[in-house]
N, C-alpha and C. Protein backbone atom coordinates (compact mmCIF):
# COMPACT_ATOMS: atom_id res chain seq x y z
N UNK A 1 18.66 16.60 2.44
CA UNK A 1 17.73 16.07 1.35
C UNK A 1 18.31 15.01 0.64
N UNK A 2 19.29 14.69 0.30
CA UNK A 2 20.10 13.38 -0.24
C UNK A 2 19.71 12.14 0.71
N UNK A 3 20.09 12.40 2.06
CA UNK A 3 19.96 11.28 2.88
C UNK A 3 18.45 10.93 3.11
N UNK A 4 17.47 11.93 3.19
CA UNK A 4 16.16 11.64 3.02
C UNK A 4 15.57 11.06 1.72
N UNK A 5 16.05 11.20 0.65
CA UNK A 5 16.00 10.46 -0.33
C UNK A 5 16.36 9.23 -0.36
N UNK A 6 17.47 8.73 -0.03
CA UNK A 6 18.11 7.45 0.15
C UNK A 6 17.16 6.69 1.20
N UNK A 7 16.76 7.53 2.32
CA UNK A 7 16.01 6.64 3.14
C UNK A 7 14.67 6.30 2.67
N UNK A 8 14.06 7.05 1.96
CA UNK A 8 12.75 6.78 1.36
C UNK A 8 12.84 5.70 0.43
N UNK A 9 13.71 5.65 -0.47
CA UNK A 9 13.97 4.67 -1.53
C UNK A 9 14.21 3.32 -0.79
N UNK A 10 15.15 3.18 0.26
CA UNK A 10 15.06 1.87 1.08
C UNK A 10 14.00 1.32 1.76
N UNK A 11 13.10 2.30 2.27
CA UNK A 11 11.75 1.97 3.00
C UNK A 11 10.79 1.84 2.10
N UNK A 12 10.89 2.36 0.94
CA UNK A 12 9.76 2.22 -0.11
C UNK A 12 8.96 0.95 -0.08
N UNK A 13 9.58 -0.46 -0.25
CA UNK A 13 9.13 -1.63 -0.21
C UNK A 13 8.19 -1.98 1.01
N UNK A 14 8.70 -1.58 2.20
CA UNK A 14 7.88 -1.67 3.45
C UNK A 14 6.58 -0.67 3.19
N UNK A 15 6.78 0.64 2.93
CA UNK A 15 5.53 1.38 2.58
C UNK A 15 4.71 0.84 1.86
N UNK A 16 4.88 0.31 0.66
CA UNK A 16 4.11 -0.16 -0.44
C UNK A 16 3.57 -1.26 0.20
N UNK A 17 4.18 -2.29 1.10
CA UNK A 17 3.71 -3.32 1.45
C UNK A 17 2.33 -2.96 2.41
N UNK A 18 2.59 -1.92 3.23
CA UNK A 18 1.58 -1.45 4.23
C UNK A 18 0.61 -1.03 3.63
N UNK A 19 0.55 -0.23 2.40
CA UNK A 19 -0.30 0.40 1.71
C UNK A 19 -1.29 -0.89 1.05
N UNK A 20 -0.54 -1.59 0.19
CA UNK A 20 -1.23 -2.52 -0.51
C UNK A 20 -1.94 -3.41 0.42
N UNK A 21 -1.53 -3.84 1.68
CA UNK A 21 -2.20 -4.47 2.57
C UNK A 21 -3.33 -3.94 3.17
N UNK A 22 -3.20 -2.72 3.42
CA UNK A 22 -4.45 -1.96 3.75
C UNK A 22 -5.65 -1.68 2.76
N UNK A 23 -5.33 -1.54 1.64
CA UNK A 23 -6.13 -1.48 0.45
C UNK A 23 -6.67 -2.82 0.14
N UNK A 24 -6.00 -4.02 0.24
CA UNK A 24 -6.72 -5.10 -0.11
C UNK A 24 -7.56 -5.70 1.17
N UNK A 25 -7.02 -5.24 2.39
CA UNK A 25 -8.10 -5.71 3.37
C UNK A 25 -9.32 -4.94 3.79
N UNK A 26 -9.21 -3.47 3.20
CA UNK A 26 -10.24 -2.35 3.45
C UNK A 26 -11.20 -2.58 2.11
N UNK A 27 -10.93 -2.74 0.98
CA UNK A 27 -11.52 -2.58 -0.14
C UNK A 27 -12.03 -3.95 -0.77
N UNK A 28 -10.89 -4.98 -0.95
CA UNK A 28 -11.21 -6.27 -1.66
C UNK A 28 -11.94 -7.30 -0.61
N UNK A 29 -11.68 -7.17 0.42
CA UNK A 29 -11.72 -8.34 1.69
C UNK A 29 -12.77 -7.64 2.60
N UNK A 30 -13.03 -6.39 2.36
CA UNK A 30 -13.94 -5.85 3.63
C UNK A 30 -13.63 -6.19 4.80
N UNK A 31 -12.50 -5.79 5.26
CA UNK A 31 -11.90 -5.83 6.68
C UNK A 31 -11.21 -7.25 7.11
N UNK A 32 -11.29 -8.31 6.05
CA UNK A 32 -10.78 -9.50 6.75
C UNK A 32 -9.47 -9.28 6.31
N UNK A 33 -8.67 -9.52 7.49
CA UNK A 33 -6.97 -9.21 7.47
C UNK A 33 -6.11 -10.14 6.52
N UNK A 34 -5.41 -9.40 5.50
CA UNK A 34 -4.56 -10.21 4.39
C UNK A 34 -3.35 -9.02 4.25
N UNK A 35 -2.07 -9.54 4.21
CA UNK A 35 -1.05 -8.41 3.89
C UNK A 35 0.02 -9.28 3.91
N UNK A 36 1.20 -8.14 3.84
CA UNK A 36 2.52 -8.54 3.75
C UNK A 36 3.38 -7.33 4.33
N UNK A 37 4.54 -7.89 4.91
CA UNK A 37 5.57 -6.88 5.34
C UNK A 37 6.31 -6.11 4.07
N UNK A 38 6.58 -6.54 3.35
CA UNK A 38 7.21 -5.61 2.07
C UNK A 38 6.65 -6.10 0.83
N UNK A 39 6.67 -5.08 -0.20
CA UNK A 39 6.11 -5.47 -1.52
C UNK A 39 7.03 -4.78 -2.60
N UNK A 40 7.63 -5.60 -3.50
CA UNK A 40 8.13 -5.08 -4.64
C UNK A 40 7.67 -5.33 -5.97
N UNK A 41 7.40 -4.34 -6.63
CA UNK A 41 6.48 -4.60 -7.83
C UNK A 41 7.32 -3.92 -8.85
N UNK A 42 7.58 -4.60 -10.03
CA UNK A 42 7.97 -4.42 -11.22
C UNK A 42 7.21 -4.62 -12.45
N UNK A 43 6.35 -3.65 -13.05
CA UNK A 43 5.69 -3.83 -13.99
C UNK A 43 6.17 -3.52 -15.52
N UNK A 44 5.98 -4.09 -16.52
CA UNK A 44 6.34 -3.55 -17.89
C UNK A 44 5.18 -4.08 -19.02
N UNK A 45 5.20 -3.28 -19.87
CA UNK A 45 4.30 -3.56 -20.98
C UNK A 45 5.03 -3.84 -22.38
N UNK A 46 4.55 -4.89 -23.17
CA UNK A 46 4.92 -5.25 -24.42
C UNK A 46 3.91 -5.01 -25.41
N UNK A 47 4.20 -4.46 -26.62
CA UNK A 47 2.95 -4.18 -27.59
C UNK A 47 2.80 -5.12 -28.60
N UNK A 48 3.66 -6.20 -28.87
CA UNK A 48 3.23 -7.11 -30.01
C UNK A 48 3.38 -8.47 -29.36
N UNK A 49 2.17 -9.05 -28.65
CA UNK A 49 0.69 -8.69 -28.36
C UNK A 49 0.87 -7.73 -27.08
N UNK A 50 -0.32 -6.91 -27.13
CA UNK A 50 -0.25 -6.05 -26.06
C UNK A 50 -0.55 -6.81 -24.71
N UNK A 51 0.44 -6.83 -23.77
CA UNK A 51 0.51 -7.49 -22.78
C UNK A 51 1.20 -6.72 -21.51
N UNK A 52 0.59 -6.79 -20.48
CA UNK A 52 0.98 -6.15 -19.01
C UNK A 52 1.45 -7.12 -18.45
N UNK A 53 2.86 -7.13 -18.19
CA UNK A 53 3.55 -8.02 -17.00
C UNK A 53 3.88 -7.30 -15.95
N UNK A 54 4.18 -8.50 -14.73
CA UNK A 54 4.47 -7.79 -13.49
C UNK A 54 5.18 -8.89 -12.75
N UNK A 55 6.21 -8.58 -12.17
CA UNK A 55 7.11 -9.32 -11.19
C UNK A 55 6.81 -8.64 -9.77
N UNK A 56 6.24 -9.64 -9.15
CA UNK A 56 5.96 -9.03 -7.60
C UNK A 56 6.54 -10.15 -6.90
N UNK A 57 7.14 -9.41 -5.75
CA UNK A 57 7.69 -10.20 -4.55
C UNK A 57 7.28 -9.62 -3.28
N UNK A 58 6.64 -10.27 -2.37
CA UNK A 58 6.44 -10.04 -1.16
C UNK A 58 6.93 -10.90 0.09
N UNK A 59 7.44 -10.20 0.96
CA UNK A 59 7.62 -11.05 2.33
C UNK A 59 6.93 -10.77 3.24
N UNK A 60 6.94 -11.73 4.17
CA UNK A 60 6.01 -11.79 5.35
C UNK A 60 4.54 -11.86 5.09
N UNK A 61 4.19 -12.72 3.95
CA UNK A 61 2.76 -12.81 3.70
C UNK A 61 1.94 -13.38 4.75
N UNK A 62 0.65 -12.89 5.25
CA UNK A 62 -0.13 -13.65 5.96
C UNK A 62 -1.49 -13.48 5.61
N UNK A 63 -2.33 -14.33 6.07
CA UNK A 63 -3.71 -14.18 6.02
C UNK A 63 -4.30 -14.70 7.37
N UNK A 64 -5.16 -13.94 7.73
CA UNK A 64 -5.58 -14.00 9.45
C UNK A 64 -6.76 -15.01 9.32
N UNK A 65 -6.84 -15.79 10.40
CA UNK A 65 -7.95 -16.52 10.75
C UNK A 65 -9.37 -15.82 10.90
N UNK A 66 -10.36 -16.40 10.51
CA UNK A 66 -11.55 -15.69 10.75
C UNK A 66 -11.94 -15.14 12.00
N UNK A 67 -12.17 -13.83 12.19
CA UNK A 67 -12.14 -13.21 13.42
C UNK A 67 -13.31 -13.96 14.45
N UNK A 68 -14.40 -14.03 13.67
CA UNK A 68 -15.59 -14.79 14.52
C UNK A 68 -15.31 -16.22 15.06
N UNK A 69 -14.30 -16.78 14.43
CA UNK A 69 -14.02 -18.20 15.20
C UNK A 69 -13.12 -17.93 16.52
N UNK A 70 -12.40 -16.92 16.71
CA UNK A 70 -11.85 -16.80 18.02
C UNK A 70 -10.65 -17.84 18.21
N UNK A 71 -9.98 -17.95 17.10
CA UNK A 71 -8.86 -19.05 17.44
C UNK A 71 -7.80 -18.60 17.82
N UNK A 72 -7.07 -19.69 18.63
CA UNK A 72 -5.84 -19.37 19.28
C UNK A 72 -4.59 -18.47 18.87
N UNK A 73 -4.29 -18.87 17.58
CA UNK A 73 -3.38 -18.24 16.70
C UNK A 73 -4.02 -17.29 15.97
N UNK A 74 -3.21 -16.35 15.48
CA UNK A 74 -3.93 -15.21 14.66
C UNK A 74 -3.90 -15.45 13.25
N UNK A 75 -2.93 -15.97 12.89
CA UNK A 75 -2.72 -16.44 11.12
C UNK A 75 -3.18 -17.85 10.69
N UNK A 76 -3.98 -17.65 9.65
CA UNK A 76 -4.26 -19.07 8.85
C UNK A 76 -3.23 -19.41 8.16
N UNK A 77 -2.61 -18.76 7.50
CA UNK A 77 -1.31 -18.89 6.40
C UNK A 77 -0.47 -17.76 6.70
N UNK A 78 0.60 -18.17 6.63
CA UNK A 78 1.88 -17.41 6.85
C UNK A 78 2.94 -17.82 5.79
N UNK A 79 3.56 -17.25 4.84
CA UNK A 79 4.94 -17.57 4.01
C UNK A 79 5.90 -16.24 4.28
N UNK A 80 7.03 -16.98 4.27
CA UNK A 80 8.06 -15.93 4.49
C UNK A 80 8.47 -15.30 3.07
N UNK A 81 8.29 -15.77 2.10
CA UNK A 81 8.54 -15.14 0.72
C UNK A 81 7.64 -15.78 -0.25
N UNK A 82 6.98 -14.74 -1.32
CA UNK A 82 6.40 -15.01 -2.44
C UNK A 82 6.85 -14.50 -3.54
N UNK A 83 7.14 -14.91 -4.55
CA UNK A 83 7.58 -14.48 -5.90
C UNK A 83 6.61 -14.83 -7.04
N UNK A 84 6.01 -13.88 -7.54
CA UNK A 84 5.03 -14.01 -8.79
C UNK A 84 5.53 -13.40 -10.18
N UNK A 85 5.64 -14.12 -11.16
CA UNK A 85 5.87 -13.51 -12.51
C UNK A 85 4.63 -13.88 -13.22
N UNK A 86 3.99 -12.73 -13.40
CA UNK A 86 2.61 -13.03 -14.55
C UNK A 86 2.38 -12.05 -15.41
N UNK A 87 1.56 -12.33 -16.39
CA UNK A 87 1.18 -11.45 -17.51
C UNK A 87 -0.45 -11.66 -17.77
N UNK A 88 -0.80 -10.38 -18.47
CA UNK A 88 -2.15 -10.44 -18.67
C UNK A 88 -2.57 -9.70 -20.04
N UNK A 89 -3.19 -10.20 -21.22
CA UNK A 89 -3.35 -9.54 -22.24
C UNK A 89 -4.24 -8.45 -22.05
N UNK A 90 -3.78 -7.15 -22.45
CA UNK A 90 -4.67 -6.06 -22.22
C UNK A 90 -5.26 -5.40 -23.67
N UNK A 91 -5.25 -6.31 -24.82
CA UNK A 91 -5.85 -6.01 -25.88
C UNK A 91 -7.29 -5.60 -25.79
N UNK A 92 -8.03 -5.92 -24.70
CA UNK A 92 -9.36 -5.38 -24.66
C UNK A 92 -9.56 -4.15 -23.97
N UNK A 93 -8.54 -3.35 -23.64
CA UNK A 93 -8.65 -2.07 -23.31
C UNK A 93 -9.19 -0.81 -23.99
N UNK A 94 -8.77 -0.83 -25.33
CA UNK A 94 -9.36 0.08 -26.16
C UNK A 94 -10.69 -0.10 -26.50
N UNK A 95 -11.33 -1.32 -26.36
CA UNK A 95 -12.64 -1.59 -26.77
C UNK A 95 -13.53 -1.12 -25.55
N UNK A 96 -12.77 -1.43 -24.23
CA UNK A 96 -13.35 -1.15 -23.12
C UNK A 96 -13.76 0.53 -22.87
N UNK A 97 -12.51 1.07 -23.29
CA UNK A 97 -12.49 2.43 -23.04
C UNK A 97 -13.63 3.17 -24.13
N UNK A 98 -13.93 2.59 -25.35
CA UNK A 98 -15.03 2.96 -26.27
C UNK A 98 -16.32 2.54 -25.57
N UNK A 99 -16.42 1.74 -24.82
CA UNK A 99 -17.81 1.39 -24.42
C UNK A 99 -18.23 0.28 -24.91
N UNK A 100 -17.56 -0.66 -25.51
CA UNK A 100 -17.82 -1.87 -26.09
C UNK A 100 -17.37 -2.88 -25.26
N UNK A 101 -18.06 -3.29 -24.20
CA UNK A 101 -17.62 -4.03 -23.17
C UNK A 101 -17.41 -5.59 -23.50
N UNK A 102 -16.22 -6.10 -23.36
CA UNK A 102 -15.84 -7.40 -23.99
C UNK A 102 -16.37 -8.23 -22.68
N UNK A 103 -17.12 -9.40 -23.24
CA UNK A 103 -17.59 -10.30 -22.27
C UNK A 103 -16.88 -11.61 -22.20
N UNK A 104 -15.50 -11.65 -22.79
CA UNK A 104 -14.84 -12.77 -22.68
C UNK A 104 -13.90 -12.49 -21.37
N UNK A 105 -13.81 -13.59 -20.50
CA UNK A 105 -12.84 -13.53 -19.45
C UNK A 105 -11.27 -13.19 -19.83
N UNK A 106 -11.11 -12.27 -18.80
CA UNK A 106 -9.52 -12.02 -18.77
C UNK A 106 -8.71 -13.03 -18.27
N UNK A 107 -7.71 -13.71 -18.69
CA UNK A 107 -7.01 -14.91 -18.13
C UNK A 107 -5.73 -14.18 -17.78
N UNK A 108 -5.38 -14.62 -16.48
CA UNK A 108 -3.77 -14.13 -16.09
C UNK A 108 -2.89 -15.34 -16.23
N UNK A 109 -1.73 -15.09 -16.97
CA UNK A 109 -0.66 -16.24 -17.34
C UNK A 109 0.51 -16.01 -16.16
N UNK A 110 0.33 -17.13 -15.10
CA UNK A 110 1.28 -17.35 -14.27
C UNK A 110 2.51 -18.08 -14.62
N UNK A 111 3.52 -17.25 -15.00
CA UNK A 111 4.78 -17.76 -15.45
C UNK A 111 5.70 -18.47 -14.65
N UNK A 112 5.58 -17.87 -13.35
CA UNK A 112 6.44 -18.69 -12.07
C UNK A 112 5.70 -18.15 -10.77
N UNK A 113 5.74 -19.01 -10.11
CA UNK A 113 5.22 -18.85 -8.57
C UNK A 113 5.85 -19.51 -7.73
N UNK A 114 6.85 -18.87 -6.92
CA UNK A 114 7.65 -19.33 -5.96
C UNK A 114 6.99 -19.06 -4.33
N UNK A 115 6.83 -19.82 -3.55
CA UNK A 115 6.47 -19.79 -2.14
C UNK A 115 7.41 -20.54 -1.09
N UNK A 116 8.13 -19.73 -0.31
CA UNK A 116 8.85 -20.25 0.68
C UNK A 116 8.55 -20.14 1.95
N UNK A 117 8.86 -20.91 2.88
CA UNK A 117 8.50 -20.92 4.32
C UNK A 117 7.09 -20.85 4.67
N UNK A 118 6.16 -21.87 3.99
CA UNK A 118 4.76 -21.72 4.32
C UNK A 118 4.43 -22.47 5.37
N UNK A 119 3.46 -21.70 6.37
CA UNK A 119 3.09 -22.41 7.79
C UNK A 119 1.60 -22.38 7.58
N UNK A 120 0.73 -23.52 7.41
CA UNK A 120 -0.44 -23.55 7.34
C UNK A 120 -1.21 -23.88 8.61
N UNK A 121 -1.94 -23.17 9.31
CA UNK A 121 -2.25 -23.47 10.72
C UNK A 121 -3.78 -23.77 10.65
N UNK A 122 -4.00 -25.16 10.41
CA UNK A 122 -5.59 -25.56 10.68
C UNK A 122 -5.87 -25.93 12.15
N UNK A 123 -6.91 -25.35 12.43
CA UNK A 123 -7.13 -25.37 13.93
C UNK A 123 -8.88 -25.15 14.09
N UNK A 124 -9.27 -25.58 15.09
CA UNK A 124 -10.94 -25.24 15.45
C UNK A 124 -10.92 -24.09 16.50
N UNK A 125 -11.47 -23.19 16.27
CA UNK A 125 -11.71 -22.00 17.17
C UNK A 125 -12.44 -22.31 18.30
N UNK A 126 -12.86 -21.22 18.96
CA UNK A 126 -13.60 -21.34 20.46
C UNK A 126 -14.87 -21.61 20.06
N UNK A 127 -15.49 -21.44 19.00
CA UNK A 127 -16.76 -21.91 18.23
C UNK A 127 -16.94 -23.18 18.05
N UNK A 128 -15.78 -23.77 18.02
CA UNK A 128 -15.81 -25.27 17.57
C UNK A 128 -15.85 -25.46 15.98
N UNK A 129 -15.73 -24.58 15.01
CA UNK A 129 -15.63 -24.79 13.86
C UNK A 129 -14.00 -24.75 13.39
N UNK A 130 -13.90 -25.36 12.33
CA UNK A 130 -12.55 -25.52 11.74
C UNK A 130 -12.28 -23.95 11.05
N UNK A 131 -10.89 -23.70 11.08
CA UNK A 131 -10.70 -22.26 10.31
C UNK A 131 -10.62 -22.30 8.53
N UNK A 132 -10.18 -23.75 8.30
CA UNK A 132 -9.91 -23.68 6.72
C UNK A 132 -11.20 -23.78 6.10
N UNK A 133 -12.13 -24.64 6.36
CA UNK A 133 -13.50 -24.76 5.66
C UNK A 133 -14.30 -23.35 5.88
N UNK A 134 -14.16 -22.84 7.11
CA UNK A 134 -14.94 -21.64 7.19
C UNK A 134 -14.62 -20.28 6.28
N UNK A 135 -13.11 -20.37 5.66
CA UNK A 135 -13.00 -19.24 4.77
C UNK A 135 -13.84 -18.99 3.47
N UNK A 136 -14.20 -20.20 3.24
CA UNK A 136 -15.12 -20.47 1.86
C UNK A 136 -16.61 -19.95 2.19
N UNK A 137 -17.03 -19.78 3.48
CA UNK A 137 -18.42 -19.07 3.67
C UNK A 137 -18.54 -17.62 3.58
């Protein structure tokens, strides 16, 4: 039992990375592959002002080339390590829960963004289109 708990604790970042990659790919990007090997997430809340903070670190980040282009290499972007420290004001949540929808945009404050080992793979696929401009389509 103890060994199973230790094993689970050590493998948790890999499991979270696989789960988050699958959720992002399937729900947010409609099957367009984006993911990471491991995910470490440390959220906390401060109450004056009401703010949600998150310290996120991922390893093995990748974003695939558009499948329709049939590129030689699988990935458009790959990064060895990404570390983000960000916060968002959540004072709008009580109004939202009462049904008083707030129309002001929610701003995410990125305090630190560290990216290491980036490989950007610009190329044209078998269709003759470049992969980077095609992402915006």
